[in-house]
Structure formats: structure tokens, C-alpha cells
Amino acid sequence: MLYLEAEAAGVRATGIGCFFDDPVHRVFGFRDLAFQSLYHFTVGGPVDDPRLTTLPPYGARFEGRKGAMDLP
């Protein structure tokens, strides 16, 4: 629902479920288990990164390319 609401608002969103919560707790000064982070969710405008590319899926054949291999 959060993703849909972000898109409807004209922004982008991403969830982050793998992070080190102990350092985050130290930054905010949490000393006990009263506040536990289960999932972080960020919302904002998209930034295109030209370093990111799309590659064919595993198992795709690259015919005519020297040294190419077919991955399982």
C-alpha cells in the first residue's frame, strides 16, 4: 500500500529491510528494546543513475560473442 500511495503522489519509494539497527539505535540514543526497527521505508523523487544497466537474464545466450558462456 505504501508503494501505491507513493506512486499516486507522484514520488517513488523503496523499502529497506536489511540494515544494522543497533548503530541506528545508538544514533537516536535508544538504550533498551522499547523501539525496534523492523523495516525502513523511504519516499522521494527518483534520481536516474547512468551506471545502472539492464542485463539479460541468467541462461540467455550471447550468440556470436567470443568467450561468452551460457549460465544455468
Protein backbone atom coordinates (compact mmCIF):
# COMPACT_ATOMS: atom_id res chain seq x y z
CA MET A 1 0.00 0.00 0.00
CA LEU A 2 2.89 2.35 0.77
CA TYR A 3 4.33 1.85 -2.71
CA LEU A 4 0.98 2.53 -4.37
CA GLU A 5 0.40 5.67 -2.31
CA ALA A 6 3.86 6.98 -3.20
CA GLU A 7 3.25 6.43 -6.92
CA ALA A 8 -0.18 8.08 -6.65
CA ALA A 9 1.50 11.10 -5.02
CA GLY A 10 3.99 11.34 -7.89
CA VAL A 11 7.04 10.21 -5.95
CA ARG A 12 8.97 6.96 -5.68
CA ALA A 13 9.55 4.74 -2.68
CA THR A 14 11.64 1.83 -1.56
CA GLY A 15 11.67 -0.39 1.48
CA ILE A 16 14.87 -1.35 3.26
CA GLY A 17 14.55 -4.49 5.34
CA CYS A 18 18.21 -5.36 5.85
CA PHE A 19 20.20 -2.92 7.93
CA PHE A 20 22.14 -2.68 11.19
CA ASP A 21 19.63 -1.42 13.73
CA ASP A 22 22.00 -1.31 16.73
CA PRO A 23 24.06 1.57 15.27
CA VAL A 24 20.82 3.38 14.36
CA HIS A 25 19.59 2.98 17.93
CA ARG A 26 22.84 4.43 19.25
CA VAL A 27 22.48 7.48 16.98
CA PHE A 28 18.99 8.15 18.35
CA GLY A 29 20.02 7.40 21.92
CA PHE A 30 17.80 4.34 22.41
CA ARG A 31 19.22 2.27 25.26
CA ASP A 32 16.63 -0.51 25.62
CA LEU A 33 14.36 -2.61 23.43
CA ALA A 34 11.38 -0.23 23.59
CA PHE A 35 11.91 0.84 19.98
CA GLN A 36 12.82 -1.80 17.44
CA SER A 37 13.22 -1.07 13.74
CA LEU A 38 11.55 -3.71 11.63
CA TYR A 39 11.54 -2.03 8.26
CA HIS A 40 12.68 1.32 6.92
CA PHE A 41 10.73 2.94 4.10
CA THR A 42 11.97 5.94 2.14
CA VAL A 43 9.98 8.23 -0.13
CA GLY A 44 11.25 10.88 -2.53
CA GLY A 45 11.93 11.93 -6.07
CA PRO A 46 13.72 9.49 -8.39
CA VAL A 47 17.31 10.05 -9.45
CA ASP A 48 18.45 8.37 -12.66
CA ASP A 49 21.85 6.72 -12.31
CA PRO A 50 23.51 6.04 -15.67
CA ARG A 51 25.76 3.45 -14.01
CA LEU A 52 22.78 1.11 -13.58
CA THR A 53 22.06 -1.08 -16.57
CA THR A 54 19.73 -3.87 -17.50
CA LEU A 55 21.29 -7.19 -18.46
CA PRO A 56 19.70 -10.28 -19.99
CA PRO A 57 18.54 -12.94 -17.50
CA TYR A 58 20.74 -15.86 -16.49
CA GLY A 59 20.74 -18.54 -19.13
CA ALA A 60 20.45 -16.08 -22.01
CA ARG A 61 22.71 -17.00 -24.89
CA PHE A 62 25.05 -14.46 -26.41
CA GLU A 63 25.47 -15.83 -29.90
CA GLY A 64 28.40 -14.52 -31.85
CA ARG A 65 30.23 -13.14 -28.83
CA LYS A 66 33.70 -14.58 -28.33
CA GLY A 67 34.19 -16.00 -24.83
CA ALA A 68 30.50 -15.76 -23.91
CA MET A 69 29.00 -18.55 -21.87
CA ASP A 70 25.51 -19.82 -21.21
CA LEU A 71 24.80 -19.64 -17.48
CA PRO A 72 22.42 -22.20 -15.89
